[in-house]
Amino acid sequence: METKDKHKPKRGAPYGNRNAIGNKGGAPFGNLNAEKYGFNTNIPYRIRLQRFIELSDVATLTRSNLRVVAKQLK
């Protein structure tokens, strides 16, 4: 008797699945949940980012501007 290779099912959601529409993926900027579960953060980076936020004008500071600055500080 011959043994046939078993068919491997495809991974992921089936075609036409719309469950993830509108999902931006990941946690919001500044989320510290990772620290809760034992992962470490870069402390000097956090200090520089906090100092920038304190020195900047709060009225002109937007989330997109903060992301740009955070990328530059890393």
PDB file of N, CA and C in Angstrom:
ATOM      1  N   MET A   1       0.823  -1.191   0.000  1.00  0.00           N
ATOM      2  CA  MET A   1       0.000   0.000   0.000  1.00  0.00           C
ATOM      3  C   MET A   1       0.867   1.253   0.000  1.00  0.00           C
ATOM      4  N   GLU A   2       0.404   2.213  -0.709  1.00  0.00           N
ATOM      5  CA  GLU A   2       1.108   3.482  -0.759  1.00  0.00           C
ATOM      6  C   GLU A   2       0.532   4.442   0.276  1.00  0.00           C
ATOM      7  N   THR A   3       1.396   5.238   0.861  1.00  0.00           N
ATOM      8  CA  THR A   3       0.915   6.278   1.774  1.00  0.00           C
ATOM      9  C   THR A   3       0.911   7.588   1.011  1.00  0.00           C
ATOM     10  N   LYS A   4      -0.213   8.231   1.046  1.00  0.00           N
ATOM     11  CA  LYS A   4      -0.326   9.507   0.344  1.00  0.00           C
ATOM     12  C   LYS A   4       0.047  10.646   1.297  1.00  0.00           C
ATOM     13  N   ASP A   5       0.606  11.685   0.721  1.00  0.00           N
ATOM     14  CA  ASP A   5       0.915  12.863   1.519  1.00  0.00           C
ATOM     15  C   ASP A   5      -0.378  13.556   1.912  1.00  0.00           C
ATOM     16  N   LYS A   6      -0.445  13.953   3.153  1.00  0.00           N
ATOM     17  CA  LYS A   6      -1.642  14.652   3.613  1.00  0.00           C
ATOM     18  C   LYS A   6      -1.630  16.081   3.092  1.00  0.00           C
ATOM     19  N   HIS A   7      -2.792  16.566   2.772  1.00  0.00           N
ATOM     20  CA  HIS A   7      -2.955  17.938   2.294  1.00  0.00           C
ATOM     21  C   HIS A   7      -2.846  18.890   3.480  1.00  0.00           C
ATOM     22  N   LYS A   8      -1.977  19.894   3.368  1.00  0.00           N
ATOM     23  CA  LYS A   8      -1.850  20.893   4.425  1.00  0.00           C
ATOM     24  C   LYS A   8      -2.887  21.990   4.185  1.00  0.00           C
ATOM     25  N   PRO A   9      -3.677  22.333   5.186  1.00  0.00           N
ATOM     26  CA  PRO A   9      -4.647  23.415   5.009  1.00  0.00           C
ATOM     27  C   PRO A   9      -3.937  24.765   4.922  1.00  0.00           C
ATOM     28  N   LYS A  10      -4.540  25.699   4.212  1.00  0.00           N
ATOM     29  CA  LYS A  10      -3.977  27.037   4.094  1.00  0.00           C
ATOM     30  C   LYS A  10      -4.070  27.755   5.428  1.00  0.00           C
ATOM     31  N   ARG A  11      -3.109  28.598   5.686  1.00  0.00           N
ATOM     32  CA  ARG A  11      -3.108  29.373   6.923  1.00  0.00           C
ATOM     33  C   ARG A  11      -3.876  30.670   6.722  1.00  0.00           C
ATOM     34  N   GLY A  12      -4.390  31.204   7.796  1.00  0.00           N
ATOM     35  CA  GLY A  12      -5.032  32.504   7.758  1.00  0.00           C
ATOM     36  C   GLY A  12      -6.526  32.409   7.577  1.00  0.00           C
ATOM     37  N   ALA A  13      -7.132  33.563   7.437  1.00  0.00           N
ATOM     38  CA  ALA A  13      -8.578  33.653   7.320  1.00  0.00           C
ATOM     39  C   ALA A  13      -9.023  33.240   5.922  1.00  0.00           C
ATOM     40  N   PRO A  14     -10.233  32.752   5.799  1.00  0.00           N
ATOM     41  CA  PRO A  14     -10.732  32.374   4.481  1.00  0.00           C
ATOM     42  C   PRO A  14     -10.937  33.589   3.578  1.00  0.00           C
ATOM     43  N   TYR A  15     -10.950  33.335   2.290  1.00  0.00           N
ATOM     44  CA  TYR A  15     -11.134  34.405   1.314  1.00  0.00           C
ATOM     45  C   TYR A  15     -12.446  35.135   1.581  1.00  0.00           C
ATOM     46  N   GLY A  16     -12.403  36.460   1.559  1.00  0.00           N
ATOM     47  CA  GLY A  16     -13.605  37.263   1.768  1.00  0.00           C
ATOM     48  C   GLY A  16     -13.849  37.631   3.223  1.00  0.00           C
ATOM     49  N   ASN A  17     -12.995  37.201   4.139  1.00  0.00           N
ATOM     50  CA  ASN A  17     -13.167  37.517   5.549  1.00  0.00           C
ATOM     51  C   ASN A  17     -12.942  39.011   5.758  1.00  0.00           C
ATOM     52  N   ARG A  18     -13.861  39.643   6.456  1.00  0.00           N
ATOM     53  CA  ARG A  18     -13.772  41.086   6.652  1.00  0.00           C
ATOM     54  C   ARG A  18     -13.653  41.456   8.133  1.00  0.00           C
ATOM     55  N   ASN A  19     -13.128  40.577   8.939  1.00  0.00           N
ATOM     56  CA  ASN A  19     -13.047  40.828  10.375  1.00  0.00           C
ATOM     57  C   ASN A  19     -12.071  41.933  10.749  1.00  0.00           C
ATOM     58  N   ALA A  20     -11.012  42.130   9.999  1.00  0.00           N
ATOM     59  CA  ALA A  20      -9.978  43.071  10.391  1.00  0.00           C
ATOM     60  C   ALA A  20     -10.090  44.423   9.684  1.00  0.00           C
ATOM     61  N   ILE A  21     -11.199  44.723   9.057  1.00  0.00           N
ATOM     62  CA  ILE A  21     -11.341  46.008   8.374  1.00  0.00           C
ATOM     63  C   ILE A  21     -11.355  47.119   9.408  1.00  0.00           C
ATOM     64  N   GLY A  22     -10.544  48.131   9.173  1.00  0.00           N
ATOM     65  CA  GLY A  22     -10.465  49.264  10.081  1.00  0.00           C
ATOM     66  C   GLY A  22      -9.467  49.066  11.212  1.00  0.00           C
ATOM     67  N   ASN A  23      -8.827  47.906  11.290  1.00  0.00           N
ATOM     68  CA  ASN A  23      -7.855  47.656  12.339  1.00  0.00           C
ATOM     69  C   ASN A  23      -6.550  48.349  11.984  1.00  0.00           C
ATOM     70  N   LYS A  24      -6.070  49.205  12.854  1.00  0.00           N
ATOM     71  CA  LYS A  24      -4.816  49.912  12.607  1.00  0.00           C
ATOM     72  C   LYS A  24      -3.624  49.081  13.045  1.00  0.00           C
ATOM     73  N   GLY A  25      -3.857  48.059  13.804  1.00  0.00           N
ATOM     74  CA  GLY A  25      -2.780  47.155  14.200  1.00  0.00           C
ATOM     75  C   GLY A  25      -1.925  47.696  15.317  1.00  0.00           C
ATOM     76  N   GLY A  26      -1.817  46.961  16.372  1.00  0.00           N
ATOM     77  CA  GLY A  26      -0.928  47.325  17.459  1.00  0.00           C
ATOM     78  C   GLY A  26      -1.560  48.283  18.468  1.00  0.00           C
ATOM     79  N   ALA A  27      -0.786  48.564  19.466  1.00  0.00           N
ATOM     80  CA  ALA A  27      -1.242  49.434  20.548  1.00  0.00           C
ATOM     81  C   ALA A  27      -1.056  50.893  20.154  1.00  0.00           C
ATOM     82  N   PRO A  28      -1.782  51.809  20.779  1.00  0.00           N
ATOM     83  CA  PRO A  28      -1.603  53.223  20.477  1.00  0.00           C
ATOM     84  C   PRO A  28      -0.230  53.720  20.919  1.00  0.00           C
ATOM     85  N   PHE A  29       0.198  54.827  20.350  1.00  0.00           N
ATOM     86  CA  PHE A  29       1.501  55.400  20.646  1.00  0.00           C
ATOM     87  C   PHE A  29       1.593  55.731  22.136  1.00  0.00           C
ATOM     88  N   GLY A  30       2.692  55.345  22.761  1.00  0.00           N
ATOM     89  CA  GLY A  30       2.910  55.636  24.165  1.00  0.00           C
ATOM     90  C   GLY A  30       2.374  54.585  25.113  1.00  0.00           C
ATOM     91  N   ASN A  31       1.857  53.490  24.589  1.00  0.00           N
ATOM     92  CA  ASN A  31       1.305  52.438  25.427  1.00  0.00           C
ATOM     93  C   ASN A  31       2.436  51.747  26.182  1.00  0.00           C
ATOM     94  N   LEU A  32       2.253  51.543  27.485  1.00  0.00           N
ATOM     95  CA  LEU A  32       3.289  50.946  28.312  1.00  0.00           C
ATOM     96  C   LEU A  32       2.920  49.554  28.804  1.00  0.00           C
ATOM     97  N   ASN A  33       2.020  48.864  28.121  1.00  0.00           N
ATOM     98  CA  ASN A  33       1.602  47.543  28.557  1.00  0.00           C
ATOM     99  C   ASN A  33       2.762  46.554  28.589  1.00  0.00           C
ATOM    100  N   ALA A  34       3.753  46.728  27.730  1.00  0.00           N
ATOM    101  CA  ALA A  34       4.873  45.794  27.694  1.00  0.00           C
ATOM    102  C   ALA A  34       5.647  45.813  29.010  1.00  0.00           C
ATOM    103  N   GLU A  35       5.730  46.974  29.643  1.00  0.00           N
ATOM    104  CA  GLU A  35       6.437  47.065  30.916  1.00  0.00           C
ATOM    105  C   GLU A  35       5.721  46.261  31.991  1.00  0.00           C
ATOM    106  N   LYS A  36       4.416  46.171  31.873  1.00  0.00           N
ATOM    107  CA  LYS A  36       3.626  45.444  32.850  1.00  0.00           C
ATOM    108  C   LYS A  36       3.987  43.962  32.847  1.00  0.00           C
ATOM    109  N   TYR A  37       4.372  43.450  31.700  1.00  0.00           N
ATOM    110  CA  TYR A  37       4.601  42.015  31.556  1.00  0.00           C
ATOM    111  C   TYR A  37       6.074  41.650  31.495  1.00  0.00           C
ATOM    112  N   GLY A  38       6.953  42.524  31.977  1.00  0.00           N
ATOM    113  CA  GLY A  38       8.357  42.173  32.132  1.00  0.00           C
ATOM    114  C   GLY A  38       9.290  42.632  31.037  1.00  0.00           C
ATOM    115  N   PHE A  39       8.801  43.266  30.009  1.00  0.00           N
ATOM    116  CA  PHE A  39       9.694  43.775  28.977  1.00  0.00           C
ATOM    117  C   PHE A  39      10.215  45.141  29.411  1.00  0.00           C
ATOM    118  N   ASN A  40      11.411  45.469  28.978  1.00  0.00           N
ATOM    119  CA  ASN A  40      12.030  46.720  29.390  1.00  0.00           C
ATOM    120  C   ASN A  40      11.874  47.776  28.309  1.00  0.00           C
ATOM    121  N   THR A  41      11.965  49.021  28.711  1.00  0.00           N
ATOM    122  CA  THR A  41      11.965  50.111  27.753  1.00  0.00           C
ATOM    123  C   THR A  41      13.324  50.788  27.797  1.00  0.00           C
ATOM    124  N   ASN A  42      13.583  51.561  26.793  1.00  0.00           N
ATOM    125  CA  ASN A  42      14.814  52.309  26.720  1.00  0.00           C
ATOM    126  C   ASN A  42      14.628  53.575  27.568  1.00  0.00           C
ATOM    127  N   ILE A  43      15.172  53.576  28.765  1.00  0.00           N
ATOM    128  CA  ILE A  43      14.953  54.662  29.720  1.00  0.00           C
ATOM    129  C   ILE A  43      15.487  56.007  29.202  1.00  0.00           C
ATOM    130  N   PRO A  44      16.701  56.094  28.649  1.00  0.00           N
ATOM    131  CA  PRO A  44      17.152  57.403  28.141  1.00  0.00           C
ATOM    132  C   PRO A  44      16.241  57.950  27.039  1.00  0.00           C
ATOM    133  N   TYR A  45      15.739  57.062  26.190  1.00  0.00           N
ATOM    134  CA  TYR A  45      14.812  57.493  25.141  1.00  0.00           C
ATOM    135  C   TYR A  45      13.544  58.057  25.761  1.00  0.00           C
ATOM    136  N   ARG A  46      13.010  57.374  26.768  1.00  0.00           N
ATOM    137  CA  ARG A  46      11.794  57.849  27.438  1.00  0.00           C
ATOM    138  C   ARG A  46      12.025  59.201  28.092  1.00  0.00           C
ATOM    139  N   ILE A  47      13.203  59.410  28.685  1.00  0.00           N
ATOM    140  CA  ILE A  47      13.508  60.687  29.341  1.00  0.00           C
ATOM    141  C   ILE A  47      13.594  61.795  28.303  1.00  0.00           C
ATOM    142  N   ARG A  48      14.280  61.542  27.175  1.00  0.00           N
ATOM    143  CA  ARG A  48      14.392  62.569  26.126  1.00  0.00           C
ATOM    144  C   ARG A  48      13.024  62.919  25.558  1.00  0.00           C
ATOM    145  N   LEU A  49      12.177  61.912  25.350  1.00  0.00           N
ATOM    146  CA  LEU A  49      10.846  62.165  24.815  1.00  0.00           C
ATOM    147  C   LEU A  49      10.003  62.971  25.800  1.00  0.00           C
ATOM    148  N   GLN A  50      10.084  62.635  27.085  1.00  0.00           N
ATOM    149  CA  GLN A  50       9.337  63.376  28.092  1.00  0.00           C
ATOM    150  C   GLN A  50       9.815  64.823  28.169  1.00  0.00           C
ATOM    151  N   ARG A  51      11.130  65.027  28.079  1.00  0.00           N
ATOM    152  CA  ARG A  51      11.681  66.385  28.124  1.00  0.00           C
ATOM    153  C   ARG A  51      11.204  67.194  26.924  1.00  0.00           C
ATOM    154  N   PHE A  52      11.156  66.552  25.748  1.00  0.00           N
ATOM    155  CA  PHE A  52      10.666  67.252  24.557  1.00  0.00           C
ATOM    156  C   PHE A  52       9.207  67.659  24.732  1.00  0.00           C
ATOM    157  N   ILE A  53       8.402  66.769  25.277  1.00  0.00           N
ATOM    158  CA  ILE A  53       6.978  67.072  25.485  1.00  0.00           C
ATOM    159  C   ILE A  53       6.812  68.221  26.464  1.00  0.00           C
ATOM    160  N   GLU A  54       7.622  68.237  27.524  1.00  0.00           N
ATOM    161  CA  GLU A  54       7.527  69.318  28.517  1.00  0.00           C
ATOM    162  C   GLU A  54       7.938  70.658  27.931  1.00  0.00           C
ATOM    163  N   LEU A  55       8.949  70.668  27.061  1.00  0.00           N
ATOM    164  CA  LEU A  55       9.453  71.928  26.502  1.00  0.00           C
ATOM    165  C   LEU A  55       8.641  72.434  25.316  1.00  0.00           C
ATOM    166  N   SER A  56       7.870  71.588  24.683  1.00  0.00           N
ATOM    167  CA  SER A  56       7.134  72.001  23.489  1.00  0.00           C
ATOM    168  C   SER A  56       5.817  72.657  23.870  1.00  0.00           C
ATOM    169  N   ASP A  57       5.264  73.374  22.912  1.00  0.00           N
ATOM    170  CA  ASP A  57       3.977  74.034  23.098  1.00  0.00           C
ATOM    171  C   ASP A  57       2.876  72.988  22.967  1.00  0.00           C
ATOM    172  N   VAL A  58       2.088  72.828  24.001  1.00  0.00           N
ATOM    173  CA  VAL A  58       1.069  71.780  24.029  1.00  0.00           C
ATOM    174  C   VAL A  58      -0.001  72.019  22.968  1.00  0.00           C
ATOM    175  N   ALA A  59      -0.282  73.257  22.642  1.00  0.00           N
ATOM    176  CA  ALA A  59      -1.334  73.564  21.680  1.00  0.00           C
ATOM    177  C   ALA A  59      -0.960  73.095  20.272  1.00  0.00           C
ATOM    178  N   THR A  60       0.308  73.118  19.940  1.00  0.00           N
ATOM    179  CA  THR A  60       0.732  72.728  18.588  1.00  0.00           C
ATOM    180  C   THR A  60       1.181  71.274  18.514  1.00  0.00           C
ATOM    181  N   LEU A  61       1.257  70.590  19.635  1.00  0.00           N
ATOM    182  CA  LEU A  61       1.729  69.220  19.648  1.00  0.00           C
ATOM    183  C   LEU A  61       0.601  68.270  19.268  1.00  0.00           C
ATOM    184  N   THR A  62       0.776  67.554  18.165  1.00  0.00           N
ATOM    185  CA  THR A  62      -0.214  66.576  17.731  1.00  0.00           C
ATOM    186  C   THR A  62       0.404  65.188  17.775  1.00  0.00           C
ATOM    187  N   ARG A  63      -0.419  64.176  17.659  1.00  0.00           N
ATOM    188  CA  ARG A  63       0.074  62.804  17.707  1.00  0.00           C
ATOM    189  C   ARG A  63       1.032  62.521  16.557  1.00  0.00           C
ATOM    190  N   SER A  64       0.730  63.045  15.369  1.00  0.00           N
ATOM    191  CA  SER A  64       1.617  62.788  14.231  1.00  0.00           C
ATOM    192  C   SER A  64       2.964  63.489  14.422  1.00  0.00           C
ATOM    193  N   ASN A  65       2.961  64.711  14.967  1.00  0.00           N
ATOM    194  CA  ASN A  65       4.219  65.401  15.238  1.00  0.00           C
ATOM    195  C   ASN A  65       5.032  64.647  16.286  1.00  0.00           C
ATOM    196  N   LEU A  66       4.345  64.128  17.284  1.00  0.00           N
ATOM    197  CA  LEU A  66       5.034  63.396  18.345  1.00  0.00           C
ATOM    198  C   LEU A  66       5.656  62.114  17.807  1.00  0.00           C
ATOM    199  N   ARG A  67       4.999  61.462  16.873  1.00  0.00           N
ATOM    200  CA  ARG A  67       5.573  60.247  16.272  1.00  0.00           C
ATOM    201  C   ARG A  67       6.833  60.574  15.495  1.00  0.00           C
ATOM    202  N   VAL A  68       6.816  61.674  14.758  1.00  0.00           N
ATOM    203  CA  VAL A  68       7.993  62.067  13.980  1.00  0.00           C
ATOM    204  C   VAL A  68       9.163  62.342  14.918  1.00  0.00           C
ATOM    205  N   VAL A  69       8.903  63.078  15.988  1.00  0.00           N
ATOM    206  CA  VAL A  69       9.958  63.404  16.943  1.00  0.00           C
ATOM    207  C   VAL A  69      10.470  62.142  17.629  1.00  0.00           C
ATOM    208  N   ALA A  70       9.569  61.227  17.968  1.00  0.00           N
ATOM    209  CA  ALA A  70       9.973  60.001  18.633  1.00  0.00           C
ATOM    210  C   ALA A  70      10.881  59.170  17.745  1.00  0.00           C
ATOM    211  N   LYS A  71      10.616  59.141  16.452  1.00  0.00           N
ATOM    212  CA  LYS A  71      11.481  58.398  15.529  1.00  0.00           C
ATOM    213  C   LYS A  71      12.857  59.047  15.454  1.00  0.00           C
ATOM    214  N   GLN A  72      12.899  60.389  15.501  1.00  0.00           N
ATOM    215  CA  GLN A  72      14.178  61.089  15.435  1.00  0.00           C
ATOM    216  C   GLN A  72      15.002  60.875  16.702  1.00  0.00           C
ATOM    217  N   LEU A  73      14.346  60.754  17.845  1.00  0.00           N
ATOM    218  CA  LEU A  73      15.059  60.591  19.106  1.00  0.00           C
ATOM    219  C   LEU A  73      15.641  59.193  19.286  1.00  0.00           C
ATOM    220  N   LYS A  74      15.097  58.211  18.608  1.00  0.00           N
ATOM    221  CA  LYS A  74      15.587  56.835  18.790  1.00  0.00           C
ATOM    222  C   LYS A  74      16.948  56.645  18.231  1.00  0.00           C
TER     223      LYS A  74
END
